[in-house]
Amino acid sequence: MPLYRDFSDNNATILVWKYEEGEELNPDELLEPENADKVKDYHPKKLLEVLMVRKLLKSLKPNSKILYKEREPYLSPKDAEISITHSFPFAAIAISKNKIGIDIEKFNPKILRVIDKFTYENERDFIPFDNEVTFYTIIWSVKESMYKIHHSKHWSLKKHYEVKPFELKHLFDISCRVHDDKISDELKASVKFFDDYCFTIVEE
């Protein structure tokens, strides 16, 4: 299993794997029995993504499982925090002593069709017209990563997750915030680019 990227730091192990044709991923060996029903109707590529994450986990914590509570993954036994993400042919896992959120997104002009769903007009003032796809993909990905740390089925990426203005030369330290009428948590995001993808890490 060739590792594609390692973005680990002092607090977290963060690994990215790129699938190569012919790699063996056996559901009977990798998939938790508790998740068999969850994946039974998955598209073959989505199932591969799930199995890639499990193989990464086996390389780090061979006696652990990924289970779900209200669609959110957690480790069993719960001795660390976890975040997972995948977009074929990539899959990634983060295991940390603190809450962490990771997300991977492919740069795609189609994102411009949905910017009203995850940003307000006043969030867009700093975005250059000639590079909108890059900036909006980063914003979406940062908000997705924050959601994995602070999530609620009642929250919206537009209303409750904020990404402060940033420049592409400072992608290691993007200020962002999760907020509602009870909380306001300031966070920092780090963004990496590879193979026309955006990979985002938010650590609490």
N, C-alpha and C. Protein backbone atom coordinates (compact mmCIF):
# COMPACT_ATOMS: atom_id res chain seq x y z
N MET A 1 0.85 -1.20 0.00
CA MET A 1 0.00 0.00 0.00
C MET A 1 0.88 1.24 0.00
N PRO A 2 1.17 1.81 -1.17
CA PRO A 2 2.05 2.98 -1.22
C PRO A 2 1.36 4.22 -0.66
N LEU A 3 2.01 4.87 0.29
CA LEU A 3 1.47 6.09 0.88
C LEU A 3 1.71 7.25 -0.08
N TYR A 4 0.66 8.07 -0.30
CA TYR A 4 0.78 9.16 -1.26
C TYR A 4 1.30 10.44 -0.60
N ARG A 5 0.74 10.79 0.56
CA ARG A 5 1.18 11.98 1.30
C ARG A 5 1.08 11.71 2.80
N ASP A 6 1.98 12.33 3.55
CA ASP A 6 1.95 12.27 5.01
C ASP A 6 2.00 13.71 5.52
N PHE A 7 0.89 14.16 6.10
CA PHE A 7 0.81 15.53 6.62
C PHE A 7 0.75 15.53 8.15
N SER A 8 1.34 14.52 8.77
CA SER A 8 1.31 14.39 10.23
C SER A 8 2.05 15.56 10.89
N ASP A 9 1.62 15.87 12.11
CA ASP A 9 2.31 16.87 12.91
C ASP A 9 2.47 16.33 14.33
N ASN A 10 2.80 17.21 15.27
CA ASN A 10 3.05 16.76 16.63
C ASN A 10 1.80 16.23 17.33
N ASN A 11 0.63 16.64 16.86
CA ASN A 11 -0.62 16.25 17.52
C ASN A 11 -1.37 15.15 16.80
N ALA A 12 -1.13 15.00 15.50
CA ALA A 12 -1.99 14.11 14.71
C ALA A 12 -1.20 13.35 13.66
N THR A 13 -1.68 12.15 13.34
CA THR A 13 -1.20 11.40 12.19
C THR A 13 -2.21 11.59 11.06
N ILE A 14 -1.75 12.11 9.92
CA ILE A 14 -2.63 12.46 8.81
C ILE A 14 -2.04 11.86 7.54
N LEU A 15 -2.72 10.85 6.99
CA LEU A 15 -2.19 10.11 5.86
C LEU A 15 -3.16 10.14 4.67
N VAL A 16 -2.59 10.24 3.47
CA VAL A 16 -3.37 10.22 2.23
C VAL A 16 -2.87 9.07 1.36
N TRP A 17 -3.81 8.31 0.81
CA TRP A 17 -3.47 7.19 -0.06
C TRP A 17 -4.17 7.39 -1.41
N LYS A 18 -3.44 7.12 -2.48
CA LYS A 18 -4.01 7.17 -3.82
C LYS A 18 -4.13 5.75 -4.36
N TYR A 19 -5.33 5.37 -4.75
CA TYR A 19 -5.58 4.01 -5.23
C TYR A 19 -4.88 3.77 -6.56
N GLU A 20 -4.29 2.60 -6.69
CA GLU A 20 -3.68 2.17 -7.94
C GLU A 20 -4.37 0.89 -8.40
N GLU A 21 -4.64 0.81 -9.70
CA GLU A 21 -5.35 -0.33 -10.26
C GLU A 21 -4.66 -1.63 -9.86
N GLY A 22 -5.48 -2.58 -9.42
CA GLY A 22 -4.95 -3.88 -9.07
C GLY A 22 -4.67 -4.08 -7.60
N GLU A 23 -4.75 -3.01 -6.81
CA GLU A 23 -4.52 -3.18 -5.37
C GLU A 23 -5.66 -3.99 -4.76
N GLU A 24 -5.31 -4.88 -3.86
CA GLU A 24 -6.30 -5.78 -3.27
C GLU A 24 -6.91 -5.17 -2.02
N LEU A 25 -8.23 -5.07 -2.03
CA LEU A 25 -8.97 -4.54 -0.88
C LEU A 25 -10.13 -5.50 -0.61
N ASN A 26 -9.95 -6.34 0.36
CA ASN A 26 -10.91 -7.40 0.65
C ASN A 26 -11.92 -6.93 1.70
N PRO A 27 -13.19 -6.76 1.33
CA PRO A 27 -14.19 -6.31 2.31
C PRO A 27 -14.30 -7.24 3.51
N ASP A 28 -14.13 -8.54 3.31
CA ASP A 28 -14.25 -9.48 4.42
C ASP A 28 -13.15 -9.27 5.46
N GLU A 29 -12.01 -8.77 5.02
CA GLU A 29 -10.90 -8.52 5.94
C GLU A 29 -10.93 -7.11 6.52
N LEU A 30 -11.42 -6.15 5.75
CA LEU A 30 -11.27 -4.74 6.13
C LEU A 30 -12.53 -4.11 6.72
N LEU A 31 -13.69 -4.50 6.25
CA LEU A 31 -14.92 -3.82 6.66
C LEU A 31 -15.44 -4.37 7.98
N GLU A 32 -15.82 -3.46 8.87
CA GLU A 32 -16.41 -3.86 10.15
C GLU A 32 -17.78 -4.50 9.89
N PRO A 33 -18.09 -5.61 10.56
CA PRO A 33 -19.41 -6.23 10.38
C PRO A 33 -20.55 -5.26 10.68
N GLU A 34 -20.32 -4.33 11.61
CA GLU A 34 -21.35 -3.36 11.98
C GLU A 34 -21.72 -2.44 10.82
N ASN A 35 -20.84 -2.33 9.82
CA ASN A 35 -21.08 -1.41 8.70
C ASN A 35 -21.50 -2.11 7.41
N ALA A 36 -21.74 -3.41 7.49
CA ALA A 36 -22.07 -4.17 6.28
C ALA A 36 -23.34 -3.64 5.61
N ASP A 37 -24.38 -3.39 6.40
CA ASP A 37 -25.64 -2.89 5.82
C ASP A 37 -25.47 -1.49 5.26
N LYS A 38 -24.64 -0.69 5.90
CA LYS A 38 -24.44 0.70 5.50
C LYS A 38 -23.89 0.80 4.08
N VAL A 39 -23.04 -0.16 3.69
CA VAL A 39 -22.34 -0.04 2.40
C VAL A 39 -22.90 -0.97 1.33
N LYS A 40 -23.94 -1.72 1.62
CA LYS A 40 -24.37 -2.77 0.69
C LYS A 40 -24.83 -2.24 -0.66
N ASP A 41 -25.31 -0.98 -0.72
CA ASP A 41 -25.76 -0.41 -1.99
C ASP A 41 -24.79 0.63 -2.55
N TYR A 42 -23.58 0.68 -2.00
CA TYR A 42 -22.61 1.67 -2.45
C TYR A 42 -22.14 1.37 -3.88
N HIS A 43 -21.87 2.43 -4.62
CA HIS A 43 -21.21 2.30 -5.92
C HIS A 43 -19.83 1.67 -5.69
N PRO A 44 -19.34 0.84 -6.62
CA PRO A 44 -18.04 0.18 -6.42
C PRO A 44 -16.90 1.13 -6.06
N LYS A 45 -16.87 2.33 -6.67
CA LYS A 45 -15.79 3.26 -6.34
C LYS A 45 -15.94 3.80 -4.92
N LYS A 46 -17.18 4.04 -4.49
CA LYS A 46 -17.37 4.52 -3.13
C LYS A 46 -17.00 3.43 -2.12
N LEU A 47 -17.30 2.19 -2.44
CA LEU A 47 -16.89 1.10 -1.57
C LEU A 47 -15.37 1.01 -1.49
N LEU A 48 -14.69 1.19 -2.62
CA LEU A 48 -13.23 1.21 -2.60
C LEU A 48 -12.71 2.30 -1.67
N GLU A 49 -13.32 3.48 -1.71
CA GLU A 49 -12.90 4.58 -0.83
C GLU A 49 -13.02 4.16 0.63
N VAL A 50 -14.15 3.55 0.98
CA VAL A 50 -14.37 3.09 2.35
C VAL A 50 -13.30 2.09 2.76
N LEU A 51 -13.00 1.16 1.87
CA LEU A 51 -12.01 0.12 2.19
C LEU A 51 -10.60 0.71 2.27
N MET A 52 -10.31 1.71 1.45
CA MET A 52 -9.00 2.37 1.52
C MET A 52 -8.80 3.00 2.89
N VAL A 53 -9.84 3.66 3.40
CA VAL A 53 -9.74 4.27 4.74
C VAL A 53 -9.48 3.19 5.79
N ARG A 54 -10.18 2.05 5.67
CA ARG A 54 -9.99 0.97 6.64
C ARG A 54 -8.57 0.40 6.57
N LYS A 55 -8.03 0.31 5.36
CA LYS A 55 -6.67 -0.21 5.24
C LYS A 55 -5.66 0.76 5.86
N LEU A 56 -5.89 2.05 5.68
CA LEU A 56 -5.05 3.04 6.36
C LEU A 56 -5.14 2.87 7.88
N LEU A 57 -6.36 2.69 8.38
CA LEU A 57 -6.54 2.51 9.82
C LEU A 57 -5.79 1.27 10.31
N LYS A 58 -5.88 0.16 9.55
CA LYS A 58 -5.21 -1.08 9.96
C LYS A 58 -3.70 -0.87 10.06
N SER A 59 -3.16 0.01 9.22
CA SER A 59 -1.71 0.26 9.26
C SER A 59 -1.31 1.06 10.49
N LEU A 60 -2.26 1.78 11.07
CA LEU A 60 -1.98 2.63 12.23
C LEU A 60 -2.44 2.01 13.54
N LYS A 61 -3.67 1.47 13.53
CA LYS A 61 -4.27 0.93 14.74
C LYS A 61 -5.00 -0.37 14.37
N PRO A 62 -4.26 -1.46 14.26
CA PRO A 62 -4.85 -2.69 13.73
C PRO A 62 -5.98 -3.28 14.55
N ASN A 63 -6.11 -2.88 15.81
CA ASN A 63 -7.16 -3.43 16.66
C ASN A 63 -8.35 -2.49 16.82
N SER A 64 -8.39 -1.44 16.02
CA SER A 64 -9.48 -0.45 16.12
C SER A 64 -10.48 -0.61 14.98
N LYS A 65 -11.68 -0.11 15.22
CA LYS A 65 -12.74 -0.07 14.21
C LYS A 65 -13.19 1.37 14.01
N ILE A 66 -13.76 1.63 12.84
CA ILE A 66 -14.48 2.87 12.61
C ILE A 66 -15.97 2.56 12.67
N LEU A 67 -16.64 3.15 13.64
CA LEU A 67 -18.08 3.01 13.77
C LEU A 67 -18.73 4.39 13.61
N TYR A 68 -20.05 4.44 13.63
CA TYR A 68 -20.75 5.69 13.35
C TYR A 68 -21.82 5.96 14.40
N LYS A 69 -21.93 7.24 14.74
CA LYS A 69 -23.03 7.71 15.58
C LYS A 69 -23.64 8.90 14.86
N GLU A 70 -24.90 8.77 14.45
CA GLU A 70 -25.56 9.82 13.68
C GLU A 70 -24.71 10.23 12.47
N ARG A 71 -24.21 9.21 11.77
CA ARG A 71 -23.43 9.37 10.53
C ARG A 71 -22.03 9.90 10.75
N GLU A 72 -21.66 10.19 11.99
CA GLU A 72 -20.32 10.70 12.27
C GLU A 72 -19.41 9.55 12.71
N PRO A 73 -18.23 9.42 12.09
CA PRO A 73 -17.33 8.31 12.45
C PRO A 73 -16.65 8.54 13.80
N TYR A 74 -16.41 7.43 14.49
CA TYR A 74 -15.59 7.48 15.71
C TYR A 74 -14.82 6.18 15.83
N LEU A 75 -13.75 6.24 16.59
CA LEU A 75 -12.93 5.06 16.80
C LEU A 75 -13.49 4.20 17.91
N SER A 76 -13.40 2.90 17.73
CA SER A 76 -13.72 1.96 18.79
C SER A 76 -12.57 0.96 18.92
N PRO A 77 -11.90 0.89 20.07
CA PRO A 77 -12.15 1.66 21.29
C PRO A 77 -11.82 3.14 21.08
N LYS A 78 -12.54 4.00 21.82
CA LYS A 78 -12.43 5.44 21.60
C LYS A 78 -11.25 6.01 22.39
N ASP A 79 -10.06 5.75 21.86
CA ASP A 79 -8.84 6.22 22.53
C ASP A 79 -8.17 7.37 21.78
N ALA A 80 -8.85 7.88 20.74
CA ALA A 80 -8.34 9.02 19.97
C ALA A 80 -9.49 9.60 19.15
N GLU A 81 -9.27 10.81 18.63
CA GLU A 81 -10.23 11.42 17.72
C GLU A 81 -9.88 11.01 16.29
N ILE A 82 -10.90 10.98 15.43
CA ILE A 82 -10.67 10.55 14.05
C ILE A 82 -11.44 11.44 13.08
N SER A 83 -10.88 11.61 11.89
CA SER A 83 -11.60 12.22 10.79
C SER A 83 -11.20 11.49 9.52
N ILE A 84 -12.16 11.30 8.62
CA ILE A 84 -11.87 10.61 7.36
C ILE A 84 -12.44 11.41 6.20
N THR A 85 -11.85 11.20 5.03
CA THR A 85 -12.37 11.85 3.82
C THR A 85 -11.92 11.05 2.62
N HIS A 86 -12.70 11.12 1.54
CA HIS A 86 -12.30 10.41 0.33
C HIS A 86 -12.95 11.04 -0.90
N SER A 87 -12.23 10.99 -1.98
CA SER A 87 -12.70 11.42 -3.29
C SER A 87 -11.86 10.64 -4.30
N PHE A 88 -12.45 9.62 -4.85
CA PHE A 88 -11.68 8.66 -5.65
C PHE A 88 -10.82 9.36 -6.71
N PRO A 89 -9.54 9.00 -6.80
CA PRO A 89 -8.85 7.83 -6.25
C PRO A 89 -8.17 8.06 -4.91
N PHE A 90 -8.54 9.13 -4.18
CA PHE A 90 -7.87 9.42 -2.92
C PHE A 90 -8.74 9.05 -1.72
N ALA A 91 -8.08 8.68 -0.64
CA ALA A 91 -8.72 8.50 0.66
C ALA A 91 -7.72 8.95 1.71
N ALA A 92 -8.24 9.49 2.81
CA ALA A 92 -7.35 10.00 3.86
C ALA A 92 -7.94 9.76 5.23
N ILE A 93 -7.04 9.68 6.21
CA ILE A 93 -7.45 9.49 7.60
C ILE A 93 -6.61 10.39 8.49
N ALA A 94 -7.22 10.91 9.54
CA ALA A 94 -6.51 11.68 10.56
C ALA A 94 -6.86 11.10 11.92
N ILE A 95 -5.85 10.82 12.71
CA ILE A 95 -6.04 10.33 14.08
C ILE A 95 -5.27 11.27 14.99
N SER A 96 -5.97 11.80 16.00
CA SER A 96 -5.40 12.86 16.81
C SER A 96 -5.83 12.74 18.27
N LYS A 97 -5.03 13.34 19.14
CA LYS A 97 -5.45 13.42 20.54
C LYS A 97 -6.48 14.53 20.74
N ASN A 98 -6.59 15.44 19.77
CA ASN A 98 -7.58 16.51 19.82
C ASN A 98 -8.58 16.33 18.68
N LYS A 99 -9.70 17.04 18.74
CA LYS A 99 -10.67 16.99 17.65
C LYS A 99 -10.02 17.52 16.38
N ILE A 100 -10.35 16.87 15.27
CA ILE A 100 -9.72 17.22 14.00
C ILE A 100 -10.71 16.98 12.87
N GLY A 101 -10.63 17.80 11.84
CA GLY A 101 -11.45 17.61 10.65
C GLY A 101 -10.60 17.72 9.41
N ILE A 102 -10.75 16.76 8.49
CA ILE A 102 -10.04 16.82 7.21
C ILE A 102 -11.04 16.68 6.08
N ASP A 103 -10.68 17.24 4.92
CA ASP A 103 -11.57 17.16 3.76
C ASP A 103 -10.74 17.24 2.49
N ILE A 104 -11.16 16.49 1.48
CA ILE A 104 -10.51 16.55 0.17
C ILE A 104 -11.56 16.88 -0.89
N GLU A 105 -11.24 17.82 -1.77
CA GLU A 105 -12.15 18.26 -2.82
C GLU A 105 -11.37 18.45 -4.11
N LYS A 106 -11.97 18.04 -5.22
CA LYS A 106 -11.36 18.30 -6.52
C LYS A 106 -11.77 19.68 -7.01
N PHE A 107 -10.83 20.42 -7.57
CA PHE A 107 -11.16 21.71 -8.15
C PHE A 107 -12.06 21.49 -9.36
N ASN A 108 -13.23 22.12 -9.34
CA ASN A 108 -14.22 21.89 -10.39
C ASN A 108 -15.05 23.16 -10.57
N PRO A 109 -15.13 23.68 -11.79
CA PRO A 109 -15.90 24.91 -12.02
C PRO A 109 -17.37 24.81 -11.60
N LYS A 110 -17.90 23.59 -11.47
CA LYS A 110 -19.30 23.43 -11.07
C LYS A 110 -19.58 24.04 -9.70
N ILE A 111 -18.53 24.25 -8.89
CA ILE A 111 -18.75 24.82 -7.57
C ILE A 111 -19.36 26.22 -7.66
N LEU A 112 -19.11 26.91 -8.77
CA LEU A 112 -19.63 28.27 -8.92
C LEU A 112 -21.15 28.30 -8.99
N ARG A 113 -21.76 27.16 -9.30
CA ARG A 113 -23.22 27.11 -9.36
C ARG A 113 -23.87 27.11 -7.99
N VAL A 114 -23.10 26.78 -6.95
CA VAL A 114 -23.71 26.59 -5.62
C VAL A 114 -23.14 27.52 -4.56
N ILE A 115 -22.43 28.56 -4.96
CA ILE A 115 -21.80 29.42 -3.95
C ILE A 115 -22.83 30.07 -3.02
N ASP A 116 -24.05 30.30 -3.52
CA ASP A 116 -25.08 30.89 -2.65
C ASP A 116 -25.50 29.94 -1.53
N LYS A 117 -25.21 28.67 -1.67
CA LYS A 117 -25.60 27.70 -0.65
C LYS A 117 -24.64 27.64 0.53
N PHE A 118 -23.40 28.15 0.34
CA PHE A 118 -22.45 28.04 1.45
C PHE A 118 -21.69 29.34 1.75
N THR A 119 -21.99 30.42 1.04
CA THR A 119 -21.38 31.72 1.37
C THR A 119 -22.41 32.84 1.23
N TYR A 120 -22.15 33.92 1.99
CA TYR A 120 -22.90 35.17 1.82
C TYR A 120 -22.11 36.10 0.90
N GLU A 121 -22.80 37.09 0.37
CA GLU A 121 -22.12 38.04 -0.53
C GLU A 121 -20.94 38.72 0.16
N ASN A 122 -21.11 39.06 1.46
CA ASN A 122 -20.03 39.78 2.14
C ASN A 122 -18.82 38.88 2.44
N GLU A 123 -18.95 37.58 2.23
CA GLU A 123 -17.81 36.66 2.38
C GLU A 123 -16.98 36.58 1.10
N ARG A 124 -17.47 37.19 0.02
CA ARG A 124 -16.84 37.00 -1.29
C ARG A 124 -16.03 38.19 -1.75
N ASP A 125 -15.99 39.25 -0.96
CA ASP A 125 -15.38 40.50 -1.42
C ASP A 125 -13.90 40.36 -1.77
N PHE A 126 -13.20 39.44 -1.11
CA PHE A 126 -11.75 39.33 -1.30
C PHE A 126 -11.37 38.36 -2.42
N ILE A 127 -12.34 37.71 -3.04
CA ILE A 127 -12.05 36.64 -4.00
C ILE A 127 -11.80 37.23 -5.39
N PRO A 128 -10.63 36.98 -5.98
CA PRO A 128 -10.34 37.53 -7.33
C PRO A 128 -11.19 36.85 -8.39
N PHE A 129 -11.69 37.62 -9.30
CA PHE A 129 -12.60 37.12 -10.33
C PHE A 129 -11.94 36.05 -11.20
N ASP A 130 -10.63 36.16 -11.40
CA ASP A 130 -9.94 35.24 -12.31
C ASP A 130 -9.50 33.94 -11.62
N ASN A 131 -9.84 33.78 -10.34
CA ASN A 131 -9.43 32.56 -9.62
C ASN A 131 -10.53 32.09 -8.67
N GLU A 132 -11.76 32.24 -9.09
CA GLU A 132 -12.88 31.94 -8.20
C GLU A 132 -12.96 30.46 -7.83
N VAL A 133 -12.72 29.58 -8.77
CA VAL A 133 -12.86 28.15 -8.49
C VAL A 133 -11.93 27.73 -7.35
N THR A 134 -10.69 28.20 -7.41
CA THR A 134 -9.73 27.85 -6.36
C THR A 134 -10.19 28.35 -5.00
N PHE A 135 -10.58 29.60 -4.93
CA PHE A 135 -10.96 30.19 -3.64
C PHE A 135 -12.24 29.56 -3.08
N TYR A 136 -13.25 29.36 -3.93
CA TYR A 136 -14.50 28.78 -3.41
C TYR A 136 -14.32 27.32 -3.01
N THR A 137 -13.46 26.60 -3.71
CA THR A 137 -13.19 25.22 -3.32
C THR A 137 -12.52 25.17 -1.96
N ILE A 138 -11.58 26.07 -1.73
CA ILE A 138 -10.93 26.14 -0.42
C ILE A 138 -11.95 26.46 0.67
N ILE A 139 -12.80 27.45 0.43
CA ILE A 139 -13.80 27.83 1.43
C ILE A 139 -14.72 26.66 1.74
N TRP A 140 -15.20 26.00 0.71
CA TRP A 140 -16.08 24.83 0.91
C TRP A 140 -15.37 23.77 1.74
N SER A 141 -14.12 23.48 1.38
CA SER A 141 -13.37 22.43 2.05
C SER A 141 -13.08 22.77 3.51
N VAL A 142 -12.72 24.02 3.77
CA VAL A 142 -12.49 24.44 5.16
C VAL A 142 -13.77 24.30 5.98
N LYS A 143 -14.90 24.71 5.40
CA LYS A 143 -16.16 24.60 6.13
C LYS A 143 -16.53 23.14 6.37
N GLU A 144 -16.29 22.28 5.40
CA GLU A 144 -16.54 20.85 5.59
C GLU A 144 -15.66 20.30 6.72
N SER A 145 -14.41 20.72 6.77
CA SER A 145 -13.51 20.26 7.84
C SER A 145 -13.98 20.76 9.20
N MET A 146 -14.42 22.01 9.27
CA MET A 146 -14.95 22.52 10.54
C MET A 146 -16.19 21.75 10.96
N TYR A 147 -17.04 21.42 10.00
CA TYR A 147 -18.27 20.67 10.30
C TYR A 147 -17.94 19.34 10.97
N LYS A 148 -16.82 18.74 10.60
CA LYS A 148 -16.46 17.45 11.18
C LYS A 148 -15.99 17.59 12.63
N ILE A 149 -15.64 18.80 13.03
CA ILE A 149 -15.29 19.05 14.43
C ILE A 149 -16.52 19.47 15.22
N HIS A 150 -17.28 20.40 14.67
CA HIS A 150 -18.51 20.92 15.28
C HIS A 150 -19.65 20.65 14.31
N HIS A 151 -20.45 19.65 14.58
CA HIS A 151 -21.51 19.33 13.63
C HIS A 151 -22.87 19.26 14.32
N SER A 152 -23.87 19.56 13.54
CA SER A 152 -25.25 19.42 13.98
C SER A 152 -26.12 19.35 12.74
N LYS A 153 -27.13 18.50 12.77
CA LYS A 153 -28.02 18.40 11.60
C LYS A 153 -28.82 19.67 11.40
N HIS A 154 -28.82 20.55 12.41
CA HIS A 154 -29.56 21.81 12.29
C HIS A 154 -28.68 22.95 11.78
N TRP A 155 -27.39 22.72 11.67
CA TRP A 155 -26.48 23.78 11.25
C TRP A 155 -26.31 23.81 9.74
N SER A 156 -25.93 24.97 9.24
CA SER A 156 -25.72 25.15 7.80
C SER A 156 -24.32 25.70 7.55
N LEU A 157 -23.68 25.23 6.47
CA LEU A 157 -22.35 25.73 6.13
C LEU A 157 -22.37 27.23 5.87
N LYS A 158 -23.50 27.73 5.42
CA LYS A 158 -23.61 29.16 5.11
C LYS A 158 -23.77 29.99 6.38
N LYS A 159 -24.63 29.54 7.28
CA LYS A 159 -24.99 30.37 8.44
C LYS A 159 -24.02 30.25 9.61
N HIS A 160 -23.42 29.09 9.80
CA HIS A 160 -22.73 28.82 11.06
C HIS A 160 -21.23 28.56 10.93
N TYR A 161 -20.72 28.59 9.69
CA TYR A 161 -19.29 28.36 9.48
C TYR A 161 -18.73 29.51 8.65
N GLU A 162 -17.71 30.14 9.16
CA GLU A 162 -17.15 31.34 8.52
C GLU A 162 -15.67 31.14 8.21
N VAL A 163 -15.27 31.52 7.01
CA VAL A 163 -13.85 31.51 6.62
C VAL A 163 -13.43 32.96 6.40
N LYS A 164 -12.43 33.40 7.13
CA LYS A 164 -11.97 34.79 7.01
C LYS A 164 -11.16 34.97 5.73
N PRO A 165 -11.05 36.19 5.22
CA PRO A 165 -10.27 36.44 4.00
C PRO A 165 -8.85 35.88 4.10
N PHE A 166 -8.35 35.34 3.00
CA PHE A 166 -7.01 34.74 2.99
C PHE A 166 -6.37 34.96 1.63
N GLU A 167 -5.06 34.68 1.57
CA GLU A 167 -4.31 34.74 0.31
C GLU A 167 -3.72 33.36 0.03
N LEU A 168 -3.53 33.05 -1.24
CA LEU A 168 -3.01 31.73 -1.61
C LEU A 168 -1.58 31.51 -1.12
N LYS A 169 -0.85 32.57 -0.84
CA LYS A 169 0.51 32.39 -0.33
C LYS A 169 0.55 32.14 1.17
N HIS A 170 -0.63 32.17 1.83
CA HIS A 170 -0.70 31.90 3.27
C HIS A 170 -1.75 30.84 3.57
N LEU A 171 -1.65 29.69 2.94
CA LEU A 171 -2.66 28.65 3.08
C LEU A 171 -2.45 27.77 4.32
N PHE A 172 -1.38 28.02 5.04
CA PHE A 172 -1.08 27.19 6.22
C PHE A 172 -1.73 27.75 7.48
N ASP A 173 -2.41 28.89 7.39
CA ASP A 173 -2.86 29.57 8.60
C ASP A 173 -4.13 30.38 8.31
N ILE A 174 -5.17 29.73 7.82
CA ILE A 174 -6.41 30.42 7.47
C ILE A 174 -7.32 30.49 8.70
N SER A 175 -7.74 31.69 9.05
CA SER A 175 -8.63 31.87 10.20
C SER A 175 -10.06 31.49 9.81
N CYS A 176 -10.72 30.78 10.71
CA CYS A 176 -12.10 30.37 10.45
C CYS A 176 -12.85 30.26 11.77
N ARG A 177 -14.17 30.14 11.68
CA ARG A 177 -14.97 30.22 12.91
C ARG A 177 -16.24 29.40 12.78
N VAL A 178 -16.60 28.72 13.87
CA VAL A 178 -17.90 28.05 14.01
C VAL A 178 -18.70 28.84 15.03
N HIS A 179 -19.96 29.15 14.71
CA HIS A 179 -20.71 30.00 15.64
C HIS A 179 -22.21 29.77 15.51
N ASP A 180 -22.88 29.99 16.62
CA ASP A 180 -24.35 30.12 16.64
C ASP A 180 -24.67 31.08 17.78
N ASP A 181 -25.89 31.03 18.30
CA ASP A 181 -26.23 31.99 19.36
C ASP A 181 -25.66 31.60 20.71
N LYS A 182 -24.99 30.43 20.79
CA LYS A 182 -24.43 29.98 22.07
C LYS A 182 -22.90 29.86 22.06
N ILE A 183 -22.32 29.58 20.91
CA ILE A 183 -20.87 29.38 20.86
C ILE A 183 -20.25 30.22 19.74
N SER A 184 -18.95 30.45 19.90
CA SER A 184 -18.16 31.06 18.83
C SER A 184 -16.74 30.56 19.00
N ASP A 185 -16.36 29.57 18.21
CA ASP A 185 -15.04 28.95 18.32
C ASP A 185 -14.16 29.38 17.15
N GLU A 186 -13.03 30.00 17.48
CA GLU A 186 -12.06 30.41 16.48
C GLU A 186 -11.10 29.26 16.20
N LEU A 187 -10.87 28.97 14.93
CA LEU A 187 -10.02 27.85 14.54
C LEU A 187 -9.04 28.30 13.45
N LYS A 188 -8.07 27.43 13.15
CA LYS A 188 -7.12 27.67 12.06
C LYS A 188 -7.15 26.49 11.10
N ALA A 189 -7.11 26.79 9.83
CA ALA A 189 -7.09 25.75 8.80
C ALA A 189 -5.77 25.78 8.04
N SER A 190 -5.35 24.60 7.61
CA SER A 190 -4.18 24.47 6.75
C SER A 190 -4.61 23.77 5.47
N VAL A 191 -4.21 24.31 4.32
CA VAL A 191 -4.66 23.79 3.03
C VAL A 191 -3.46 23.37 2.19
N LYS A 192 -3.57 22.19 1.59
CA LYS A 192 -2.54 21.67 0.70
C LYS A 192 -3.15 21.42 -0.68
N PHE A 193 -2.33 21.53 -1.73
CA PHE A 193 -2.76 21.22 -3.09
C PHE A 193 -1.96 20.03 -3.61
N PHE A 194 -2.64 19.11 -4.30
CA PHE A 194 -1.95 18.06 -5.06
C PHE A 194 -2.91 17.49 -6.10
N ASP A 195 -2.37 17.16 -7.27
CA ASP A 195 -3.14 16.50 -8.34
C ASP A 195 -4.49 17.14 -8.62
N ASP A 196 -4.56 18.46 -8.64
CA ASP A 196 -5.81 19.18 -8.90
C ASP A 196 -6.84 18.97 -7.79
N TYR A 197 -6.36 18.68 -6.59
CA TYR A 197 -7.22 18.53 -5.42
C TYR A 197 -6.80 19.51 -4.33
N CYS A 198 -7.76 19.82 -3.49
CA CYS A 198 -7.55 20.66 -2.32
C CYS A 198 -7.73 19.77 -1.09
N PHE A 199 -6.77 19.78 -0.19
CA PHE A 199 -6.83 18.97 1.04
C PHE A 199 -6.72 19.91 2.23
N THR A 200 -7.71 19.84 3.12
CA THR A 200 -7.83 20.79 4.21
C THR A 200 -7.76 20.08 5.55
N ILE A 201 -7.04 20.70 6.48
CA ILE A 201 -6.91 20.19 7.85
C ILE A 201 -7.31 21.30 8.82
N VAL A 202 -8.23 21.00 9.71
CA VAL A 202 -8.57 21.92 10.81
C VAL A 202 -8.40 21.15 12.11
N GLU A 203 -7.53 21.65 12.98
CA GLU A 203 -7.29 21.01 14.26
C GLU A 203 -7.75 21.92 15.39
N GLU A 204 -8.39 21.33 16.38
CA GLU A 204 -8.88 22.13 17.50
C GLU A 204 -7.74 22.44 18.47
